[in-house]
Amino acid sequence: MTHTQSVQSLFKPFTAGTLKLSNRVVMAPMTRQFSPDGVPGANVAAYYRRRAENGVGLIVTEGTVIDHADASNQANVPHIYGEAALEGWANVVTEVHAADGRIIPQIWHMGARGNVNDYSEAEIGSIVEAFAQAAANAKRIGFDGIELHGAHGYLIDQFFWEKTNSRTDKYGGDMLKRARFAVEVIEACRRAVGPDFPIVLRFSQWKGSDYAAKLATTPEQLEQFLAPLVAAGVDIFHASTRRFWEPEFEGSDLNLAGWTKKLTGKPTITVGSVGLDGDFTSLFAEGKGADNAQIDGIFDRLEREEFDLVAIGRALLIDPAWANKIRDGRASELIPFTPEALKTLH
């Protein structure tokens, strides 16, 4: 297979239920903090529209926080509640749709309290309802689905992980009990949006505080972990890894997205240093830019249907036209990512 033929695997249409995408390129959710008091403005709408105009199949917004006291401790992270914020997001949706793009919000609770062990069951119930209200808000203002942020040590993931969840009630103990909070969130969101509105769940093994962390150390454990999430209503899994090319378990070259698709039969999104010259943590530490060195492996895996969609983070953050440049064989025109890119909305 030639490089040109291989690249086209990234630009085949994709359909999952009501979500119909022109290609397999996903803009990964990346916190930008350009929404004063939680309200995204015209600059945010233009930022997302530029990606839609330049060939991104699906945009996942930066994390949008739910209506709960501990959901955020950052003033410029956007909300997914309140009249002003929802009007701002409705404008974002209008702009993206005008460019024939598709967009879903990442719904987020940061878990700013730092642990889940002192939440009462009544407060947990109120958080679940806040997630459901956020999902309902997203559908009402025209988003094409939602993504729930269950990764990277934030609230849902704090429940998942045994090192942050030492509860002894129905929300803690074994793997299935630690997943109960996520199950309740997914079920509540499903009730809020109906049977056909796409729900994506982003999850990870690694945490911001521990890159080597594992929720599941074997495929069998991963299957046990994923099964109740599927039953609760997840349509697509967004499997976050630091390096997409690394095998998740010994004895197979499948990555986390590959294993998740194999075990659940659900479509998956892979993510992790796509288009960067190494993993993103060393990029900041060593001041490296981005190149196209790792991208060919993505095409081969897509052709094998190991996973279905590819999320692009920092490479797309700096270069709105990344997708079209890759499609058209213009890799030499890609704009290298540097940390300076985080200071403005390109």
C-alpha atoms as a PDB file:
ATOM      1  CA  MET A   1       0.000   0.000   0.000  1.00  0.00           C
ATOM      2  CA  THR A   2       1.379   3.406  -0.943  1.00  0.00           C
ATOM      3  CA  HIS A   3       1.560   6.268   1.527  1.00  0.00           C
ATOM      4  CA  THR A   4      -1.159   8.132  -0.392  1.00  0.00           C
ATOM      5  CA  GLN A   5      -3.496   5.143  -0.275  1.00  0.00           C
ATOM      6  CA  SER A   6      -2.774   4.647   3.422  1.00  0.00           C
ATOM      7  CA  VAL A   7      -3.492   8.277   4.270  1.00  0.00           C
ATOM      8  CA  GLN A   8      -6.952   7.954   2.770  1.00  0.00           C
ATOM      9  CA  SER A   9      -7.955   5.620   5.608  1.00  0.00           C
ATOM     10  CA  LEU A  10      -8.092   8.736   7.780  1.00  0.00           C
ATOM     11  CA  PHE A  11     -10.494  10.423   5.370  1.00  0.00           C
ATOM     12  CA  LYS A  12     -13.181   7.806   4.954  1.00  0.00           C
ATOM     13  CA  PRO A  13     -16.658   8.703   6.246  1.00  0.00           C
ATOM     14  CA  PHE A  14     -17.738   7.332   9.617  1.00  0.00           C
ATOM     15  CA  THR A  15     -21.194   6.726  11.045  1.00  0.00           C
ATOM     16  CA  ALA A  16     -22.228   5.675  14.544  1.00  0.00           C
ATOM     17  CA  GLY A  17     -25.960   5.963  15.088  1.00  0.00           C
ATOM     18  CA  THR A  18     -26.982   9.549  14.364  1.00  0.00           C
ATOM     19  CA  LEU A  19     -23.373  10.762  14.303  1.00  0.00           C
ATOM     20  CA  LYS A  20     -22.304  11.022  10.671  1.00  0.00           C
ATOM     21  CA  LEU A  21     -18.777  12.291  10.037  1.00  0.00           C
ATOM     22  CA  SER A  22     -17.015  13.140   6.801  1.00  0.00           C
ATOM     23  CA  ASN A  23     -13.749  11.609   8.022  1.00  0.00           C
ATOM     24  CA  ARG A  24     -11.958  10.017  10.980  1.00  0.00           C
ATOM     25  CA  VAL A  25     -10.129  13.133  12.232  1.00  0.00           C
ATOM     26  CA  VAL A  26     -11.194  14.270  15.709  1.00  0.00           C
ATOM     27  CA  MET A  27     -10.087  17.442  17.420  1.00  0.00           C
ATOM     28  CA  ALA A  28      -9.086  16.333  20.901  1.00  0.00           C
ATOM     29  CA  PRO A  29     -10.441  18.305  23.865  1.00  0.00           C
ATOM     30  CA  MET A  30      -7.837  20.806  25.044  1.00  0.00           C
ATOM     31  CA  THR A  31      -8.372  23.286  27.865  1.00  0.00           C
ATOM     32  CA  ARG A  32      -7.764  26.811  26.585  1.00  0.00           C
ATOM     33  CA  GLN A  33      -9.095  29.128  29.342  1.00  0.00           C
ATOM     34  CA  PHE A  34     -10.319  31.848  26.992  1.00  0.00           C
ATOM     35  CA  SER A  35     -13.889  31.965  28.353  1.00  0.00           C
ATOM     36  CA  PRO A  36     -14.076  34.720  31.015  1.00  0.00           C
ATOM     37  CA  ASP A  37     -16.460  33.811  33.835  1.00  0.00           C
ATOM     38  CA  GLY A  38     -17.191  30.579  31.993  1.00  0.00           C
ATOM     39  CA  VAL A  39     -18.697  32.204  28.900  1.00  0.00           C
ATOM     40  CA  PRO A  40     -17.284  31.350  25.443  1.00  0.00           C
ATOM     41  CA  GLY A  41     -17.274  34.359  23.131  1.00  0.00           C
ATOM     42  CA  ALA A  42     -17.017  35.023  19.415  1.00  0.00           C
ATOM     43  CA  ASN A  43     -13.267  34.295  19.501  1.00  0.00           C
ATOM     44  CA  VAL A  44     -13.952  30.775  20.781  1.00  0.00           C
ATOM     45  CA  ALA A  45     -16.592  30.230  18.099  1.00  0.00           C
ATOM     46  CA  ALA A  46     -14.171  31.357  15.394  1.00  0.00           C
ATOM     47  CA  TYR A  47     -11.444  29.096  16.819  1.00  0.00           C
ATOM     48  CA  TYR A  48     -13.619  26.003  16.494  1.00  0.00           C
ATOM     49  CA  ARG A  49     -15.071  27.047  13.152  1.00  0.00           C
ATOM     50  CA  ARG A  50     -11.562  27.259  11.659  1.00  0.00           C
ATOM     51  CA  ARG A  51     -11.041  23.561  12.396  1.00  0.00           C
ATOM     52  CA  ALA A  52     -14.382  22.630  10.833  1.00  0.00           C
ATOM     53  CA  GLU A  53     -13.579  24.679   7.728  1.00  0.00           C
ATOM     54  CA  ASN A  54     -10.255  22.893   7.410  1.00  0.00           C
ATOM     55  CA  GLY A  55     -11.432  19.307   7.362  1.00  0.00           C
ATOM     56  CA  VAL A  56     -11.775  18.142  10.967  1.00  0.00           C
ATOM     57  CA  GLY A  57     -14.509  15.497  11.029  1.00  0.00           C
ATOM     58  CA  LEU A  58     -15.490  15.854  14.691  1.00  0.00           C
ATOM     59  CA  ILE A  59     -14.620  18.569  17.176  1.00  0.00           C
ATOM     60  CA  VAL A  60     -14.613  17.681  20.865  1.00  0.00           C
ATOM     61  CA  THR A  61     -14.600  20.943  22.755  1.00  0.00           C
ATOM     62  CA  GLU A  62     -12.373  21.784  25.652  1.00  0.00           C
ATOM     63  CA  GLY A  63     -13.767  20.609  28.962  1.00  0.00           C
ATOM     64  CA  THR A  64     -16.999  22.397  29.910  1.00  0.00           C
ATOM     65  CA  VAL A  65     -17.812  22.242  33.597  1.00  0.00           C
ATOM     66  CA  ILE A  66     -21.076  21.249  35.197  1.00  0.00           C
ATOM     67  CA  ASP A  67     -23.011  23.189  37.821  1.00  0.00           C
ATOM     68  CA  HIS A  68     -21.377  22.002  41.045  1.00  0.00           C
ATOM     69  CA  ALA A  69     -19.175  23.788  43.556  1.00  0.00           C
ATOM     70  CA  ASP A  70     -16.116  21.584  43.052  1.00  0.00           C
ATOM     71  CA  ALA A  71     -16.477  21.252  39.286  1.00  0.00           C
ATOM     72  CA  SER A  72     -13.859  23.904  38.559  1.00  0.00           C
ATOM     73  CA  ASN A  73     -11.335  26.120  40.283  1.00  0.00           C
ATOM     74  CA  GLN A  74     -10.416  28.049  37.126  1.00  0.00           C
ATOM     75  CA  ALA A  75     -12.372  31.183  36.233  1.00  0.00           C
ATOM     76  CA  ASN A  76     -11.796  31.088  32.461  1.00  0.00           C
ATOM     77  CA  VAL A  77     -12.810  27.468  31.839  1.00  0.00           C
ATOM     78  CA  PRO A  78     -16.190  27.431  30.048  1.00  0.00           C
ATOM     79  CA  HIS A  79     -19.414  26.351  31.727  1.00  0.00           C
ATOM     80  CA  ILE A  80     -22.113  24.116  30.251  1.00  0.00           C
ATOM     81  CA  TYR A  81     -24.793  25.746  32.393  1.00  0.00           C
ATOM     82  CA  GLY A  82     -26.177  29.258  32.842  1.00  0.00           C
ATOM     83  CA  GLU A  83     -27.868  31.414  30.226  1.00  0.00           C
ATOM     84  CA  ALA A  84     -24.809  33.378  29.093  1.00  0.00           C
ATOM     85  CA  ALA A  85     -22.556  30.343  28.702  1.00  0.00           C
ATOM     86  CA  LEU A  86     -25.214  28.360  26.867  1.00  0.00           C
ATOM     87  CA  GLU A  87     -25.850  31.253  24.492  1.00  0.00           C
ATOM     88  CA  GLY A  88     -22.119  31.351  23.836  1.00  0.00           C
ATOM     89  CA  TRP A  89     -22.014  27.649  23.092  1.00  0.00           C
ATOM     90  CA  ALA A  90     -25.101  27.888  20.869  1.00  0.00           C
ATOM     91  CA  ASN A  91     -23.166  30.395  18.778  1.00  0.00           C
ATOM     92  CA  VAL A  92     -20.184  28.033  18.626  1.00  0.00           C
ATOM     93  CA  VAL A  93     -22.470  25.246  17.395  1.00  0.00           C
ATOM     94  CA  THR A  94     -24.018  27.537  14.777  1.00  0.00           C
ATOM     95  CA  GLU A  95     -20.595  28.536  13.453  1.00  0.00           C
ATOM     96  CA  VAL A  96     -19.299  24.957  13.282  1.00  0.00           C
ATOM     97  CA  HIS A  97     -22.443  23.685  11.599  1.00  0.00           C
ATOM     98  CA  ALA A  98     -22.263  26.545   9.097  1.00  0.00           C
ATOM     99  CA  ALA A  99     -18.881  25.124   8.074  1.00  0.00           C
ATOM    100  CA  ASP A 100     -20.484  21.653   7.784  1.00  0.00           C
ATOM    101  CA  GLY A 101     -18.652  20.426  10.888  1.00  0.00           C
ATOM    102  CA  ARG A 102     -19.791  18.281  13.785  1.00  0.00           C
ATOM    103  CA  ILE A 103     -19.153  19.209  17.407  1.00  0.00           C
ATOM    104  CA  ILE A 104     -19.713  17.710  20.853  1.00  0.00           C
ATOM    105  CA  PRO A 105     -18.869  19.243  24.237  1.00  0.00           C
ATOM    106  CA  GLN A 106     -16.666  17.464  26.720  1.00  0.00           C
ATOM    107  CA  ILE A 107     -18.638  17.544  29.962  1.00  0.00           C
ATOM    108  CA  TRP A 108     -16.346  17.835  32.937  1.00  0.00           C
ATOM    109  CA  HIS A 109     -16.114  17.839  36.699  1.00  0.00           C
ATOM    110  CA  MET A 110     -12.523  18.464  37.721  1.00  0.00           C
ATOM    111  CA  GLY A 111     -12.898  16.908  41.143  1.00  0.00           C
ATOM    112  CA  ALA A 112     -11.265  19.987  42.593  1.00  0.00           C
ATOM    113  CA  ARG A 113     -11.763  18.693  46.137  1.00  0.00           C
ATOM    114  CA  GLY A 114      -9.082  16.134  45.316  1.00  0.00           C
ATOM    115  CA  ASN A 115     -10.738  12.963  46.577  1.00  0.00           C
ATOM    116  CA  VAL A 116     -14.142  11.324  46.508  1.00  0.00           C
ATOM    117  CA  ASN A 117     -14.193   9.774  49.946  1.00  0.00           C
ATOM    118  CA  ASP A 118     -15.990  12.579  51.786  1.00  0.00           C
ATOM    119  CA  TYR A 119     -18.872  13.074  49.358  1.00  0.00           C
ATOM    120  CA  SER A 120     -22.172  12.008  50.912  1.00  0.00           C
ATOM    121  CA  GLU A 121     -24.514   9.859  48.850  1.00  0.00           C
ATOM    122  CA  ALA A 122     -26.938  12.789  48.634  1.00  0.00           C
ATOM    123  CA  GLU A 123     -24.224  15.034  47.191  1.00  0.00           C
ATOM    124  CA  ILE A 124     -23.208  12.319  44.736  1.00  0.00           C
ATOM    125  CA  GLY A 125     -26.815  12.223  43.581  1.00  0.00           C
ATOM    126  CA  SER A 126     -26.806  15.970  43.010  1.00  0.00           C
ATOM    127  CA  ILE A 127     -23.595  15.706  40.965  1.00  0.00           C
ATOM    128  CA  VAL A 128     -25.121  12.965  38.829  1.00  0.00           C
ATOM    129  CA  GLU A 129     -28.109  15.216  38.157  1.00  0.00           C
ATOM    130  CA  ALA A 130     -25.807  18.110  37.267  1.00  0.00           C
ATOM    131  CA  PHE A 131     -24.151  15.920  34.640  1.00  0.00           C
ATOM    132  CA  ALA A 132     -27.581  14.989  33.284  1.00  0.00           C
ATOM    133  CA  GLN A 133     -28.650  18.633  33.135  1.00  0.00           C
ATOM    134  CA  ALA A 134     -25.454  19.486  31.255  1.00  0.00           C
ATOM    135  CA  ALA A 135     -26.197  16.725  28.759  1.00  0.00           C
ATOM    136  CA  ALA A 136     -29.738  18.009  28.303  1.00  0.00           C
ATOM    137  CA  ASN A 137     -28.395  21.540  27.803  1.00  0.00           C
ATOM    138  CA  ALA A 138     -25.974  20.299  25.150  1.00  0.00           C
ATOM    139  CA  LYS A 139     -28.721  18.588  23.194  1.00  0.00           C
ATOM    140  CA  ARG A 140     -31.072  21.553  23.476  1.00  0.00           C
ATOM    141  CA  ILE A 141     -28.598  24.039  22.009  1.00  0.00           C
ATOM    142  CA  GLY A 142     -27.754  21.826  19.062  1.00  0.00           C
ATOM    143  CA  PHE A 143     -24.591  19.856  19.816  1.00  0.00           C
ATOM    144  CA  ASP A 144     -24.202  16.574  17.919  1.00  0.00           C
ATOM    145  CA  GLY A 145     -23.564  14.454  21.021  1.00  0.00           C
ATOM    146  CA  ILE A 146     -21.617  14.681  24.284  1.00  0.00           C
ATOM    147  CA  GLU A 147     -18.358  13.394  25.692  1.00  0.00           C
ATOM    148  CA  LEU A 148     -18.095  12.620  29.404  1.00  0.00           C
ATOM    149  CA  HIS A 149     -14.602  13.216  30.824  1.00  0.00           C
ATOM    150  CA  GLY A 150     -13.771  10.093  32.811  1.00  0.00           C
ATOM    151  CA  ALA A 151      -9.991  10.262  32.457  1.00  0.00           C
ATOM    152  CA  HIS A 152      -6.762  11.767  33.798  1.00  0.00           C
ATOM    153  CA  GLY A 153      -7.554  11.851  37.500  1.00  0.00           C
ATOM    154  CA  TYR A 154     -10.636  14.082  37.355  1.00  0.00           C
ATOM    155  CA  LEU A 155     -13.810  13.317  39.296  1.00  0.00           C
ATOM    156  CA  ILE A 156     -15.165  10.283  37.436  1.00  0.00           C
ATOM    157  CA  ASP A 157     -11.665   8.845  37.274  1.00  0.00           C
ATOM    158  CA  GLN A 158     -11.161   9.518  40.985  1.00  0.00           C
ATOM    159  CA  PHE A 159     -14.042   7.128  41.586  1.00  0.00           C
ATOM    160  CA  PHE A 160     -12.555   4.595  39.143  1.00  0.00           C
ATOM    161  CA  TRP A 161      -9.088   4.459  40.704  1.00  0.00           C
ATOM    162  CA  GLU A 162      -8.448   2.473  43.869  1.00  0.00           C
ATOM    163  CA  LYS A 163      -5.755   4.910  45.028  1.00  0.00           C
ATOM    164  CA  THR A 164      -8.221   7.813  45.183  1.00  0.00           C
ATOM    165  CA  ASN A 165     -11.364   5.842  46.050  1.00  0.00           C
ATOM    166  CA  SER A 166     -11.262   4.109  49.425  1.00  0.00           C
ATOM    167  CA  ARG A 167     -15.006   4.262  49.988  1.00  0.00           C
ATOM    168  CA  THR A 168     -16.653   1.273  51.650  1.00  0.00           C
ATOM    169  CA  ASP A 169     -20.220   1.947  50.503  1.00  0.00           C
ATOM    170  CA  LYS A 170     -21.809   1.130  47.157  1.00  0.00           C
ATOM    171  CA  TYR A 171     -19.393   3.487  45.359  1.00  0.00           C
ATOM    172  CA  GLY A 172     -16.179   1.785  46.450  1.00  0.00           C
ATOM    173  CA  GLY A 173     -14.503  -1.523  47.147  1.00  0.00           C
ATOM    174  CA  ASP A 174     -14.003  -3.543  43.989  1.00  0.00           C
ATOM    175  CA  MET A 175     -13.704  -2.466  40.359  1.00  0.00           C
ATOM    176  CA  LEU A 176     -17.424  -2.709  39.660  1.00  0.00           C
ATOM    177  CA  LYS A 177     -18.365  -0.649  42.707  1.00  0.00           C
ATOM    178  CA  ARG A 178     -15.780   1.985  41.825  1.00  0.00           C
ATOM    179  CA  ALA A 179     -17.430   2.207  38.395  1.00  0.00           C
ATOM    180  CA  ARG A 180     -20.898   2.718  39.878  1.00  0.00           C
ATOM    181  CA  PHE A 181     -20.654   6.518  39.922  1.00  0.00           C
ATOM    182  CA  ALA A 182     -19.773   6.589  36.219  1.00  0.00           C
ATOM    183  CA  VAL A 183     -22.596   4.161  35.484  1.00  0.00           C
ATOM    184  CA  GLU A 184     -25.078   6.418  37.270  1.00  0.00           C
ATOM    185  CA  VAL A 185     -23.783   9.472  35.385  1.00  0.00           C
ATOM    186  CA  ILE A 186     -24.057   7.709  32.023  1.00  0.00           C
ATOM    187  CA  GLU A 187     -27.518   6.361  32.792  1.00  0.00           C
ATOM    188  CA  ALA A 188     -28.741   9.789  33.907  1.00  0.00           C
ATOM    189  CA  CYS A 189     -27.321  11.430  30.799  1.00  0.00           C
ATOM    190  CA  ARG A 190     -28.933   8.786  28.625  1.00  0.00           C
ATOM    191  CA  ARG A 191     -32.312   9.454  30.237  1.00  0.00           C
ATOM    192  CA  ALA A 192     -31.796  13.182  29.705  1.00  0.00           C
ATOM    193  CA  VAL A 193     -30.937  12.984  25.992  1.00  0.00           C
ATOM    194  CA  GLY A 194     -32.928   9.965  24.826  1.00  0.00           C
ATOM    195  CA  PRO A 195     -31.841   6.740  23.119  1.00  0.00           C
ATOM    196  CA  ASP A 196     -30.309   8.135  19.930  1.00  0.00           C
ATOM    197  CA  PHE A 197     -28.108  11.026  21.082  1.00  0.00           C
ATOM    198  CA  PRO A 198     -24.434   9.938  20.961  1.00  0.00           C
ATOM    199  CA  ILE A 199     -22.604   9.573  24.280  1.00  0.00           C
ATOM    200  CA  VAL A 200     -18.812   9.306  24.219  1.00  0.00           C
ATOM    201  CA  LEU A 201     -16.804   8.378  27.313  1.00  0.00           C
ATOM    202  CA  ARG A 202     -13.174   9.404  27.598  1.00  0.00           C
ATOM    203  CA  PHE A 203     -11.168   7.216  29.951  1.00  0.00           C
ATOM    204  CA  SER A 204      -7.515   6.529  30.628  1.00  0.00           C
ATOM    205  CA  GLN A 205      -5.295   4.220  32.572  1.00  0.00           C
ATOM    206  CA  TRP A 206      -2.731   6.953  33.338  1.00  0.00           C
ATOM    207  CA  LYS A 207      -3.347   9.838  35.716  1.00  0.00           C
ATOM    208  CA  GLY A 208      -1.886  13.300  35.893  1.00  0.00           C
ATOM    209  CA  SER A 209      -0.244  12.258  39.142  1.00  0.00           C
ATOM    210  CA  ASP A 210       0.886   8.803  37.973  1.00  0.00           C
ATOM    211  CA  TYR A 211       1.697   8.059  34.331  1.00  0.00           C
ATOM    212  CA  ALA A 212       2.165   4.346  35.097  1.00  0.00           C
ATOM    213  CA  ALA A 213      -1.240   3.889  36.760  1.00  0.00           C
ATOM    214  CA  LYS A 214      -3.508   1.072  35.617  1.00  0.00           C
ATOM    215  CA  LEU A 215      -7.206   0.624  36.220  1.00  0.00           C
ATOM    216  CA  ALA A 216      -6.908  -2.766  34.518  1.00  0.00           C
ATOM    217  CA  THR A 217      -3.713  -4.789  34.292  1.00  0.00           C
ATOM    218  CA  THR A 218      -5.057  -7.512  31.965  1.00  0.00           C
ATOM    219  CA  PRO A 219      -7.537  -7.687  29.087  1.00  0.00           C
ATOM    220  CA  GLU A 220      -9.852  -9.657  31.358  1.00  0.00           C
ATOM    221  CA  GLN A 221      -9.903  -6.863  33.928  1.00  0.00           C
ATOM    222  CA  LEU A 222     -10.431  -4.287  31.195  1.00  0.00           C
ATOM    223  CA  GLU A 223     -13.432  -6.247  29.938  1.00  0.00           C
ATOM    224  CA  GLN A 224     -14.899  -6.322  33.443  1.00  0.00           C
ATOM    225  CA  PHE A 225     -14.362  -2.582  33.754  1.00  0.00           C
ATOM    226  CA  LEU A 226     -15.916  -1.694  30.388  1.00  0.00           C
ATOM    227  CA  ALA A 227     -18.971  -3.976  30.429  1.00  0.00           C
ATOM    228  CA  PRO A 228     -21.129  -1.942  32.855  1.00  0.00           C
ATOM    229  CA  LEU A 229     -20.222   1.270  31.048  1.00  0.00           C
ATOM    230  CA  VAL A 230     -21.471  -0.204  27.780  1.00  0.00           C
ATOM    231  CA  ALA A 231     -24.634  -1.406  29.483  1.00  0.00           C
ATOM    232  CA  ALA A 232     -25.206   2.076  30.914  1.00  0.00           C
ATOM    233  CA  GLY A 233     -25.283   3.623  27.450  1.00  0.00           C
ATOM    234  CA  VAL A 234     -21.840   4.542  26.100  1.00  0.00           C
ATOM    235  CA  ASP A 235     -21.805   4.630  22.285  1.00  0.00           C
ATOM    236  CA  ILE A 236     -18.127   5.432  21.662  1.00  0.00           C
ATOM    237  CA  PHE A 237     -15.054   5.116  23.870  1.00  0.00           C
ATOM    238  CA  HIS A 238     -12.264   7.701  23.710  1.00  0.00           C
ATOM    239  CA  ALA A 239      -9.250   5.777  25.007  1.00  0.00           C
ATOM    240  CA  SER A 240      -6.598   8.243  26.137  1.00  0.00           C
ATOM    241  CA  THR A 241      -2.974   7.143  26.092  1.00  0.00           C
ATOM    242  CA  ARG A 242       0.250   9.128  26.153  1.00  0.00           C
ATOM    243  CA  ARG A 243       1.644   7.369  23.046  1.00  0.00           C
ATOM    244  CA  PHE A 244      -0.814   5.738  20.628  1.00  0.00           C
ATOM    245  CA  TRP A 245       1.785   3.315  19.262  1.00  0.00           C
ATOM    246  CA  GLU A 246       2.490   1.570  22.587  1.00  0.00           C
ATOM    247  CA  PRO A 247       0.827  -1.812  23.286  1.00  0.00           C
ATOM    248  CA  GLU A 248      -1.518  -1.788  26.261  1.00  0.00           C
ATOM    249  CA  PHE A 249      -0.851  -5.346  27.420  1.00  0.00           C
ATOM    250  CA  GLU A 250       1.906  -7.879  26.856  1.00  0.00           C
ATOM    251  CA  GLY A 251       1.368 -10.409  24.092  1.00  0.00           C
ATOM    252  CA  SER A 252      -0.477  -8.104  21.677  1.00  0.00           C
ATOM    253  CA  ASP A 253       0.326  -4.907  19.795  1.00  0.00           C
ATOM    254  CA  LEU A 254      -3.194  -3.541  20.333  1.00  0.00           C
ATOM    255  CA  ASN A 255      -3.285  -0.179  22.074  1.00  0.00           C
ATOM    256  CA  LEU A 256      -5.953   0.797  24.616  1.00  0.00           C
ATOM    257  CA  ALA A 257      -8.420   1.868  21.917  1.00  0.00           C
ATOM    258  CA  GLY A 258      -7.783  -1.383  20.065  1.00  0.00           C
ATOM    259  CA  TRP A 259      -8.440  -3.526  23.112  1.00  0.00           C
ATOM    260  CA  THR A 260     -11.527  -1.500  23.998  1.00  0.00           C
ATOM    261  CA  LYS A 261     -13.037  -2.014  20.562  1.00  0.00           C
ATOM    262  CA  LYS A 262     -12.168  -5.723  20.597  1.00  0.00           C
ATOM    263  CA  LEU A 263     -13.710  -6.275  24.025  1.00  0.00           C
ATOM    264  CA  THR A 264     -16.856  -4.151  23.642  1.00  0.00           C
ATOM    265  CA  GLY A 265     -17.571  -4.059  19.923  1.00  0.00           C
ATOM    266  CA  LYS A 266     -18.083  -0.310  20.278  1.00  0.00           C
ATOM    267  CA  PRO A 267     -16.339   2.265  18.068  1.00  0.00           C
ATOM    268  CA  THR A 268     -13.256   3.803  19.623  1.00  0.00           C
ATOM    269  CA  ILE A 269     -11.163   6.946  19.327  1.00  0.00           C
ATOM    270  CA  THR A 270      -7.412   6.659  19.765  1.00  0.00           C
ATOM    271  CA  VAL A 271      -5.321   9.556  21.033  1.00  0.00           C
ATOM    272  CA  GLY A 272      -1.803  10.136  22.264  1.00  0.00           C
ATOM    273  CA  SER A 273       0.969  12.215  20.684  1.00  0.00           C
ATOM    274  CA  VAL A 274      -0.379  11.937  17.142  1.00  0.00           C
ATOM    275  CA  GLY A 275       1.793  14.111  14.929  1.00  0.00           C
ATOM    276  CA  LEU A 276       4.295  14.949  17.672  1.00  0.00           C
ATOM    277  CA  ASP A 277       7.937  13.880  17.740  1.00  0.00           C
ATOM    278  CA  GLY A 278       7.562  12.033  21.033  1.00  0.00           C
ATOM    279  CA  ASP A 279       5.126  12.018  23.914  1.00  0.00           C
ATOM    280  CA  PHE A 280       3.689  15.358  24.965  1.00  0.00           C
ATOM    281  CA  THR A 281       5.271  15.450  28.409  1.00  0.00           C
ATOM    282  CA  SER A 282       8.805  15.468  27.036  1.00  0.00           C
ATOM    283  CA  LEU A 283       7.739  18.010  24.430  1.00  0.00           C
ATOM    284  CA  PHE A 284       7.246  20.596  27.143  1.00  0.00           C
ATOM    285  CA  ALA A 285      10.266  19.567  29.169  1.00  0.00           C
ATOM    286  CA  GLU A 286      12.670  19.577  26.250  1.00  0.00           C
ATOM    287  CA  GLY A 287      11.138  22.309  24.113  1.00  0.00           C
ATOM    288  CA  LYS A 288      10.650  20.061  21.107  1.00  0.00           C
ATOM    289  CA  GLY A 289       8.478  21.009  18.189  1.00  0.00           C
ATOM    290  CA  ALA A 290       6.170  18.708  16.261  1.00  0.00           C
ATOM    291  CA  ASP A 291       6.731  16.758  13.088  1.00  0.00           C
ATOM    292  CA  ASN A 292       5.005  13.936  11.217  1.00  0.00           C
ATOM    293  CA  ALA A 293       7.301  11.112  12.288  1.00  0.00           C
ATOM    294  CA  GLN A 294       4.753   8.913  14.058  1.00  0.00           C
ATOM    295  CA  ILE A 295       1.718   9.413  11.834  1.00  0.00           C
ATOM    296  CA  ASP A 296       2.130   6.530   9.371  1.00  0.00           C
ATOM    297  CA  GLY A 297       1.374   3.955  12.057  1.00  0.00           C
ATOM    298  CA  ILE A 298      -2.050   5.498  12.547  1.00  0.00           C
ATOM    299  CA  PHE A 299      -3.036   4.855   8.946  1.00  0.00           C
ATOM    300  CA  ASP A 300      -2.054   1.198   9.087  1.00  0.00           C
ATOM    301  CA  ARG A 301      -4.030   0.629  12.274  1.00  0.00           C
ATOM    302  CA  LEU A 302      -7.084   2.354  10.812  1.00  0.00           C
ATOM    303  CA  GLU A 303      -6.887   0.105   7.760  1.00  0.00           C
ATOM    304  CA  ARG A 304      -6.884  -2.904  10.092  1.00  0.00           C
ATOM    305  CA  GLU A 305      -9.866  -1.370  11.936  1.00  0.00           C
ATOM    306  CA  GLU A 306      -8.052  -1.583  15.261  1.00  0.00           C
ATOM    307  CA  PHE A 307      -9.925   1.622  16.124  1.00  0.00           C
ATOM    308  CA  ASP A 308     -12.228   3.967  14.235  1.00  0.00           C
ATOM    309  CA  LEU A 309     -11.281   7.582  14.867  1.00  0.00           C
ATOM    310  CA  VAL A 310      -8.066   9.482  15.606  1.00  0.00           C
ATOM    311  CA  ALA A 311      -7.959  12.443  17.982  1.00  0.00           C
ATOM    312  CA  ILE A 312      -5.375  15.131  17.272  1.00  0.00           C
ATOM    313  CA  GLY A 313      -4.339  17.411  20.097  1.00  0.00           C
ATOM    314  CA  ARG A 314      -1.476  19.863  20.082  1.00  0.00           C
ATOM    315  CA  ALA A 315      -0.637  19.456  16.407  1.00  0.00           C
ATOM    316  CA  LEU A 316      -4.160  20.679  15.583  1.00  0.00           C
ATOM    317  CA  LEU A 317      -4.125  23.334  18.269  1.00  0.00           C
ATOM    318  CA  ILE A 318      -1.413  25.281  16.445  1.00  0.00           C
ATOM    319  CA  ASP A 319      -2.447  24.442  12.871  1.00  0.00           C
ATOM    320  CA  PRO A 320      -6.181  24.647  12.020  1.00  0.00           C
ATOM    321  CA  ALA A 321      -5.440  23.203   8.559  1.00  0.00           C
ATOM    322  CA  TRP A 322      -3.635  20.091   9.857  1.00  0.00           C
ATOM    323  CA  ALA A 323      -6.264  17.695   8.486  1.00  0.00           C
ATOM    324  CA  ASN A 324      -6.379  19.157   4.984  1.00  0.00           C
ATOM    325  CA  LYS A 325      -2.589  19.350   4.796  1.00  0.00           C
ATOM    326  CA  ILE A 326      -2.277  15.666   5.740  1.00  0.00           C
ATOM    327  CA  ARG A 327      -5.033  14.712   3.271  1.00  0.00           C
ATOM    328  CA  ASP A 328      -3.428  16.633   0.419  1.00  0.00           C
ATOM    329  CA  GLY A 329       0.142  15.439   0.995  1.00  0.00           C
ATOM    330  CA  ARG A 330       1.322  18.829   2.261  1.00  0.00           C
ATOM    331  CA  ALA A 331       3.027  17.625   5.417  1.00  0.00           C
ATOM    332  CA  SER A 332       5.955  19.951   4.720  1.00  0.00           C
ATOM    333  CA  GLU A 333       3.572  22.862   5.300  1.00  0.00           C
ATOM    334  CA  LEU A 334       2.523  21.766   8.794  1.00  0.00           C
ATOM    335  CA  ILE A 335       3.113  24.392  11.462  1.00  0.00           C
ATOM    336  CA  PRO A 336       5.236  22.949  14.290  1.00  0.00           C
ATOM    337  CA  PHE A 337       3.731  23.083  17.752  1.00  0.00           C
ATOM    338  CA  THR A 338       5.536  24.969  20.484  1.00  0.00           C
ATOM    339  CA  PRO A 339       4.312  25.826  23.995  1.00  0.00           C
ATOM    340  CA  GLU A 340       3.941  29.442  22.853  1.00  0.00           C
ATOM    341  CA  ALA A 341       0.873  28.298  20.913  1.00  0.00           C
ATOM    342  CA  LEU A 342      -1.072  27.962  24.148  1.00  0.00           C
ATOM    343  CA  LYS A 343      -1.077  31.718  24.695  1.00  0.00           C
ATOM    344  CA  THR A 344      -3.498  32.525  21.865  1.00  0.00           C
ATOM    345  CA  LEU A 345      -6.415  30.991  19.970  1.00  0.00           C
ATOM    346  CA  HIS A 346      -4.956  30.230  16.537  1.00  0.00           C
END
